[in-house]
């Protein structure tokens, strides 16, 4: 992913639930676990996506811009 960022390319990434992230909310940078961020989002923030694997599996997705804390 670092190489994609260097080339300024967009990508889709997933974050493990035990990772901390930093997010800019209304000009305030907050650092928290991804689980706490998910809990703070409204139901309307999530969109149902159906994955077609061996059998169809619905998952709920929220799209946000965050930074992974080091």
PDB file of N, CA and C in Angstrom:
ATOM      1  N   UNK A   1       0.812  -1.192   0.000  1.00  0.00           N
ATOM      2  CA  UNK A   1       0.000   0.000   0.000  1.00  0.00           C
ATOM      3  C   UNK A   1       0.855   1.256   0.000  1.00  0.00           C
ATOM      4  N   UNK A   2       2.016   1.184   0.601  1.00  0.00           N
ATOM      5  CA  UNK A   2       2.900   2.349   0.626  1.00  0.00           C
ATOM      6  C   UNK A   2       3.283   2.757  -0.794  1.00  0.00           C
ATOM      7  N   UNK A   3       3.554   1.764  -1.652  1.00  0.00           N
ATOM      8  CA  UNK A   3       3.909   2.075  -3.039  1.00  0.00           C
ATOM      9  C   UNK A   3       2.738   2.739  -3.765  1.00  0.00           C
ATOM     10  N   UNK A   4       1.523   2.313  -3.494  1.00  0.00           N
ATOM     11  CA  UNK A   4       0.359   2.953  -4.106  1.00  0.00           C
ATOM     12  C   UNK A   4       0.235   4.393  -3.647  1.00  0.00           C
ATOM     13  N   UNK A   5       0.475   4.621  -2.346  1.00  0.00           N
ATOM     14  CA  UNK A   5       0.404   5.983  -1.824  1.00  0.00           C
ATOM     15  C   UNK A   5       1.474   6.869  -2.455  1.00  0.00           C
ATOM     16  N   UNK A   6       2.679   6.342  -2.618  1.00  0.00           N
ATOM     17  CA  UNK A   6       3.763   7.121  -3.230  1.00  0.00           C
ATOM     18  C   UNK A   6       3.380   7.557  -4.635  1.00  0.00           C
ATOM     19  N   UNK A   7       2.662   6.694  -5.347  1.00  0.00           N
ATOM     20  CA  UNK A   7       2.256   7.006  -6.715  1.00  0.00           C
ATOM     21  C   UNK A   7       0.909   7.723  -6.757  1.00  0.00           C
ATOM     22  N   UNK A   8       0.370   8.063  -5.576  1.00  0.00           N
ATOM     23  CA  UNK A   8      -0.896   8.792  -5.444  1.00  0.00           C
ATOM     24  C   UNK A   8      -2.055   8.071  -6.125  1.00  0.00           C
ATOM     25  N   UNK A   9      -2.078   6.720  -5.965  1.00  0.00           N
ATOM     26  CA  UNK A   9      -3.156   5.915  -6.530  1.00  0.00           C
ATOM     27  C   UNK A   9      -4.165   5.565  -5.438  1.00  0.00           C
ATOM     28  N   UNK A  10      -5.427   5.501  -5.805  1.00  0.00           N
ATOM     29  CA  UNK A  10      -6.468   5.106  -4.864  1.00  0.00           C
ATOM     30  C   UNK A  10      -6.453   3.599  -4.675  1.00  0.00           C
ATOM     31  N   UNK A  11      -6.826   3.142  -3.499  1.00  0.00           N
ATOM     32  CA  UNK A  11      -6.890   1.715  -3.232  1.00  0.00           C
ATOM     33  C   UNK A  11      -7.913   1.438  -2.142  1.00  0.00           C
ATOM     34  N   UNK A  12      -8.284   0.206  -2.034  1.00  0.00           N
ATOM     35  CA  UNK A  12      -9.214  -0.250  -1.011  1.00  0.00           C
ATOM     36  C   UNK A  12      -8.415  -1.030   0.012  1.00  0.00           C
ATOM     37  N   UNK A  13      -8.564  -0.682   1.266  1.00  0.00           N
ATOM     38  CA  UNK A  13      -7.816  -1.381   2.310  1.00  0.00           C
ATOM     39  C   UNK A  13      -8.723  -1.765   3.452  1.00  0.00           C
ATOM     40  N   UNK A  14      -8.334  -2.771   4.142  1.00  0.00           N
ATOM     41  CA  UNK A  14      -9.055  -3.190   5.340  1.00  0.00           C
ATOM     42  C   UNK A  14      -8.151  -3.005   6.534  1.00  0.00           C
ATOM     43  N   UNK A  15      -8.757  -2.807   7.688  1.00  0.00           N
ATOM     44  CA  UNK A  15      -7.994  -2.581   8.903  1.00  0.00           C
ATOM     45  C   UNK A  15      -8.406  -3.626   9.932  1.00  0.00           C
ATOM     46  N   UNK A  16      -7.415  -4.266  10.541  1.00  0.00           N
ATOM     47  CA  UNK A  16      -7.702  -5.232  11.605  1.00  0.00           C
ATOM     48  C   UNK A  16      -8.342  -4.503  12.786  1.00  0.00           C
ATOM     49  N   UNK A  17      -9.272  -5.167  13.466  1.00  0.00           N
ATOM     50  CA  UNK A  17     -10.013  -4.483  14.525  1.00  0.00           C
ATOM     51  C   UNK A  17      -9.159  -4.099  15.729  1.00  0.00           C
ATOM     52  N   UNK A  18      -7.957  -4.650  15.863  1.00  0.00           N
ATOM     53  CA  UNK A  18      -7.111  -4.277  16.995  1.00  0.00           C
ATOM     54  C   UNK A  18      -6.158  -3.122  16.665  1.00  0.00           C
ATOM     55  N   UNK A  19      -6.272  -2.535  15.477  1.00  0.00           N
ATOM     56  CA  UNK A  19      -5.415  -1.405  15.090  1.00  0.00           C
ATOM     57  C   UNK A  19      -6.043  -0.094  15.528  1.00  0.00           C
ATOM     58  N   UNK A  20      -5.201   0.856  15.883  1.00  0.00           N
ATOM     59  CA  UNK A  20      -5.676   2.203  16.182  1.00  0.00           C
ATOM     60  C   UNK A  20      -5.562   3.048  14.925  1.00  0.00           C
ATOM     61  N   UNK A  21      -6.493   3.981  14.783  1.00  0.00           N
ATOM     62  CA  UNK A  21      -6.505   4.868  13.629  1.00  0.00           C
ATOM     63  C   UNK A  21      -6.630   6.303  14.122  1.00  0.00           C
ATOM     64  N   UNK A  22      -6.302   7.244  13.270  1.00  0.00           N
ATOM     65  CA  UNK A  22      -6.527   8.660  13.541  1.00  0.00           C
ATOM     66  C   UNK A  22      -7.494   9.163  12.486  1.00  0.00           C
ATOM     67  N   UNK A  23      -8.476   9.928  12.930  1.00  0.00           N
ATOM     68  CA  UNK A  23      -9.472  10.465  12.013  1.00  0.00           C
ATOM     69  C   UNK A  23      -9.698  11.930  12.338  1.00  0.00           C
ATOM     70  N   UNK A  24      -9.888  12.735  11.310  1.00  0.00           N
ATOM     71  CA  UNK A  24     -10.141  14.160  11.471  1.00  0.00           C
ATOM     72  C   UNK A  24     -11.656  14.356  11.482  1.00  0.00           C
ATOM     73  N   UNK A  25     -12.190  14.658  12.658  1.00  0.00           N
ATOM     74  CA  UNK A  25     -13.631  14.899  12.791  1.00  0.00           C
ATOM     75  C   UNK A  25     -13.843  16.365  13.134  1.00  0.00           C
ATOM     76  N   UNK A  26     -14.414  17.108  12.213  1.00  0.00           N
ATOM     77  CA  UNK A  26     -14.742  18.511  12.409  1.00  0.00           C
ATOM     78  C   UNK A  26     -13.531  19.316  12.871  1.00  0.00           C
ATOM     79  N   UNK A  27     -12.374  19.071  12.263  1.00  0.00           N
ATOM     80  CA  UNK A  27     -11.169  19.805  12.584  1.00  0.00           C
ATOM     81  C   UNK A  27     -10.412  19.296  13.801  1.00  0.00           C
ATOM     82  N   UNK A  28     -10.940  18.268  14.462  1.00  0.00           N
ATOM     83  CA  UNK A  28     -10.280  17.683  15.629  1.00  0.00           C
ATOM     84  C   UNK A  28      -9.782  16.299  15.243  1.00  0.00           C
ATOM     85  N   UNK A  29      -8.488  16.050  15.491  1.00  0.00           N
ATOM     86  CA  UNK A  29      -7.937  14.739  15.173  1.00  0.00           C
ATOM     87  C   UNK A  29      -8.131  13.832  16.378  1.00  0.00           C
ATOM     88  N   UNK A  30      -8.835  12.737  16.176  1.00  0.00           N
ATOM     89  CA  UNK A  30      -9.107  11.774  17.244  1.00  0.00           C
ATOM     90  C   UNK A  30      -8.399  10.470  16.925  1.00  0.00           C
ATOM     91  N   UNK A  31      -7.830   9.863  17.948  1.00  0.00           N
ATOM     92  CA  UNK A  31      -7.185   8.564  17.795  1.00  0.00           C
ATOM     93  C   UNK A  31      -8.011   7.546  18.569  1.00  0.00           C
ATOM     94  N   UNK A  32      -8.329   6.430  17.921  1.00  0.00           N
ATOM     95  CA  UNK A  32      -9.188   5.426  18.556  1.00  0.00           C
ATOM     96  C   UNK A  32      -9.021   4.090  17.865  1.00  0.00           C
ATOM     97  N   UNK A  33      -9.565   3.066  18.465  1.00  0.00           N
ATOM     98  CA  UNK A  33      -9.598   1.752  17.838  1.00  0.00           C
ATOM     99  C   UNK A  33     -10.676   1.728  16.771  1.00  0.00           C
ATOM    100  N   UNK A  34     -10.485   0.892  15.772  1.00  0.00           N
ATOM    101  CA  UNK A  34     -11.461   0.814  14.678  1.00  0.00           C
ATOM    102  C   UNK A  34     -12.824   0.350  15.183  1.00  0.00           C
ATOM    103  N   UNK A  35     -12.845  -0.464  16.259  1.00  0.00           N
ATOM    104  CA  UNK A  35     -14.110  -0.903  16.835  1.00  0.00           C
ATOM    105  C   UNK A  35     -14.877   0.268  17.436  1.00  0.00           C
ATOM    106  N   UNK A  36     -14.184   1.188  18.102  1.00  0.00           N
ATOM    107  CA  UNK A  36     -14.841   2.367  18.679  1.00  0.00           C
ATOM    108  C   UNK A  36     -15.354   3.290  17.573  1.00  0.00           C
ATOM    109  N   UNK A  37     -14.583   3.409  16.491  1.00  0.00           N
ATOM    110  CA  UNK A  37     -15.034   4.218  15.361  1.00  0.00           C
ATOM    111  C   UNK A  37     -16.315   3.630  14.780  1.00  0.00           C
ATOM    112  N   UNK A  38     -16.349   2.325  14.575  1.00  0.00           N
ATOM    113  CA  UNK A  38     -17.544   1.673  14.027  1.00  0.00           C
ATOM    114  C   UNK A  38     -18.746   1.892  14.944  1.00  0.00           C
ATOM    115  N   UNK A  39     -18.527   1.814  16.255  1.00  0.00           N
ATOM    116  CA  UNK A  39     -19.620   2.040  17.210  1.00  0.00           C
ATOM    117  C   UNK A  39     -20.138   3.475  17.154  1.00  0.00           C
ATOM    118  N   UNK A  40     -19.279   4.427  16.788  1.00  0.00           N
ATOM    119  CA  UNK A  40     -19.681   5.837  16.775  1.00  0.00           C
ATOM    120  C   UNK A  40     -20.449   6.222  15.514  1.00  0.00           C
ATOM    121  N   UNK A  41     -20.454   5.365  14.504  1.00  0.00           N
ATOM    122  CA  UNK A  41     -21.135   5.678  13.239  1.00  0.00           C
ATOM    123  C   UNK A  41     -22.618   5.344  13.314  1.00  0.00           C
ATOM    124  N   UNK A  42     -23.426   6.123  12.618  1.00  0.00           N
ATOM    125  CA  UNK A  42     -24.860   5.850  12.553  1.00  0.00           C
ATOM    126  C   UNK A  42     -25.128   4.691  11.595  1.00  0.00           C
ATOM    127  N   UNK A  43     -26.311   4.123  11.698  1.00  0.00           N
ATOM    128  CA  UNK A  43     -26.694   3.033  10.786  1.00  0.00           C
ATOM    129  C   UNK A  43     -26.651   3.492   9.333  1.00  0.00           C
ATOM    130  N   UNK A  44     -26.967   4.767   9.104  1.00  0.00           N
ATOM    131  CA  UNK A  44     -26.999   5.298   7.741  1.00  0.00           C
ATOM    132  C   UNK A  44     -25.599   5.382   7.130  1.00  0.00           C
ATOM    133  N   UNK A  45     -24.556   5.293   7.958  1.00  0.00           N
ATOM    134  CA  UNK A  45     -23.182   5.347   7.461  1.00  0.00           C
ATOM    135  C   UNK A  45     -22.776   4.063   6.750  1.00  0.00           C
ATOM    136  N   UNK A  46     -23.537   3.001   6.974  1.00  0.00           N
ATOM    137  CA  UNK A  46     -23.187   1.698   6.430  1.00  0.00           C
ATOM    138  C   UNK A  46     -24.053   1.355   5.225  1.00  0.00           C
ATOM    139  N   UNK A  47     -23.456   0.666   4.270  1.00  0.00           N
ATOM    140  CA  UNK A  47     -24.159   0.202   3.072  1.00  0.00           C
ATOM    141  C   UNK A  47     -23.995  -1.306   2.985  1.00  0.00           C
ATOM    142  N   UNK A  48     -25.080  -2.001   2.677  1.00  0.00           N
ATOM    143  CA  UNK A  48     -25.002  -3.450   2.523  1.00  0.00           C
ATOM    144  C   UNK A  48     -24.378  -3.790   1.170  1.00  0.00           C
ATOM    145  N   UNK A  49     -23.410  -4.681   1.205  1.00  0.00           N
ATOM    146  CA  UNK A  49     -22.752  -5.171  -0.014  1.00  0.00           C
ATOM    147  C   UNK A  49     -22.839  -6.688   0.030  1.00  0.00           C
ATOM    148  N   UNK A  50     -23.225  -7.290  -1.076  1.00  0.00           N
ATOM    149  CA  UNK A  50     -23.331  -8.756  -1.128  1.00  0.00           C
ATOM    150  C   UNK A  50     -22.110  -9.319  -1.847  1.00  0.00           C
ATOM    151  N   UNK A  51     -21.358 -10.126  -1.127  1.00  0.00           N
ATOM    152  CA  UNK A  51     -20.192 -10.779  -1.716  1.00  0.00           C
ATOM    153  C   UNK A  51     -20.626 -12.103  -2.319  1.00  0.00           C
ATOM    154  N   UNK A  52     -20.224 -12.363  -3.530  1.00  0.00           N
ATOM    155  CA  UNK A  52     -20.556 -13.616  -4.196  1.00  0.00           C
ATOM    156  C   UNK A  52     -19.370 -14.568  -4.075  1.00  0.00           C
ATOM    157  N   UNK A  53     -19.306 -15.266  -2.980  1.00  0.00           N
ATOM    158  CA  UNK A  53     -18.268 -16.265  -2.771  1.00  0.00           C
ATOM    159  C   UNK A  53     -18.876 -17.615  -3.115  1.00  0.00           C
ATOM    160  N   UNK A  54     -18.600 -18.654  -2.348  1.00  0.00           N
ATOM    161  CA  UNK A  54     -19.247 -19.946  -2.596  1.00  0.00           C
ATOM    162  C   UNK A  54     -20.761 -19.801  -2.486  1.00  0.00           C
ATOM    163  N   UNK A  55     -21.188 -19.027  -1.481  1.00  0.00           N
ATOM    164  CA  UNK A  55     -22.596 -18.645  -1.408  1.00  0.00           C
ATOM    165  C   UNK A  55     -22.635 -17.163  -1.049  1.00  0.00           C
ATOM    166  N   UNK A  56     -23.707 -16.504  -1.439  1.00  0.00           N
ATOM    167  CA  UNK A  56     -23.803 -15.066  -1.234  1.00  0.00           C
ATOM    168  C   UNK A  56     -23.702 -14.729   0.250  1.00  0.00           C
ATOM    169  N   UNK A  57     -22.904 -13.715   0.572  1.00  0.00           N
ATOM    170  CA  UNK A  57     -22.710 -13.301   1.953  1.00  0.00           C
ATOM    171  C   UNK A  57     -22.864 -11.788   2.035  1.00  0.00           C
ATOM    172  N   UNK A  58     -23.874 -11.313   2.777  1.00  0.00           N
ATOM    173  CA  UNK A  58     -24.020  -9.863   2.936  1.00  0.00           C
ATOM    174  C   UNK A  58     -23.049  -9.340   3.997  1.00  0.00           C
ATOM    175  N   UNK A  59     -22.404  -8.213   3.716  1.00  0.00           N
ATOM    176  CA  UNK A  59     -21.549  -7.529   4.680  1.00  0.00           C
ATOM    177  C   UNK A  59     -21.945  -6.052   4.677  1.00  0.00           C
ATOM    178  N   UNK A  60     -21.673  -5.365   5.780  1.00  0.00           N
ATOM    179  CA  UNK A  60     -22.000  -3.948   5.892  1.00  0.00           C
ATOM    180  C   UNK A  60     -20.708  -3.149   5.833  1.00  0.00           C
ATOM    181  N   UNK A  61     -20.677  -2.136   4.987  1.00  0.00           N
ATOM    182  CA  UNK A  61     -19.454  -1.397   4.692  1.00  0.00           C
ATOM    183  C   UNK A  61     -19.667   0.089   4.950  1.00  0.00           C
ATOM    184  N   UNK A  62     -18.666   0.711   5.586  1.00  0.00           N
ATOM    185  CA  UNK A  62     -18.635   2.183   5.723  1.00  0.00           C
ATOM    186  C   UNK A  62     -17.333   2.652   5.088  1.00  0.00           C
ATOM    187  N   UNK A  63     -17.403   3.722   4.333  1.00  0.00           N
ATOM    188  CA  UNK A  63     -16.222   4.261   3.666  1.00  0.00           C
ATOM    189  C   UNK A  63     -15.792   5.533   4.381  1.00  0.00           C
ATOM    190  N   UNK A  64     -14.547   5.520   4.870  1.00  0.00           N
ATOM    191  CA  UNK A  64     -14.001   6.664   5.609  1.00  0.00           C
ATOM    192  C   UNK A  64     -12.547   6.853   5.214  1.00  0.00           C
ATOM    193  N   UNK A  65     -12.051   8.056   5.403  1.00  0.00           N
ATOM    194  CA  UNK A  65     -10.637   8.318   5.203  1.00  0.00           C
ATOM    195  C   UNK A  65     -10.003   8.444   6.578  1.00  0.00           C
ATOM    196  N   UNK A  66      -9.073   7.563   6.889  1.00  0.00           N
ATOM    197  CA  UNK A  66      -8.387   7.543   8.186  1.00  0.00           C
ATOM    198  C   UNK A  66      -6.898   7.323   7.966  1.00  0.00           C
ATOM    199  N   UNK A  67      -6.127   7.535   9.002  1.00  0.00           N
ATOM    200  CA  UNK A  67      -4.717   7.197   8.984  1.00  0.00           C
ATOM    201  C   UNK A  67      -4.481   6.126  10.034  1.00  0.00           C
ATOM    202  N   UNK A  68      -3.665   5.143   9.701  1.00  0.00           N
ATOM    203  CA  UNK A  68      -3.332   4.086  10.655  1.00  0.00           C
ATOM    204  C   UNK A  68      -2.270   4.641  11.586  1.00  0.00           C
ATOM    205  N   UNK A  69      -2.526   4.557  12.897  1.00  0.00           N
ATOM    206  CA  UNK A  69      -1.563   5.050  13.882  1.00  0.00           C
ATOM    207  C   UNK A  69      -0.363   4.110  13.945  1.00  0.00           C
ATOM    208  N   UNK A  70       0.791   4.686  14.127  1.00  0.00           N
ATOM    209  CA  UNK A  70       2.021   3.885  14.186  1.00  0.00           C
ATOM    210  C   UNK A  70       2.342   3.497  15.601  1.00  0.00           C
TER     211      UNK A  70
END
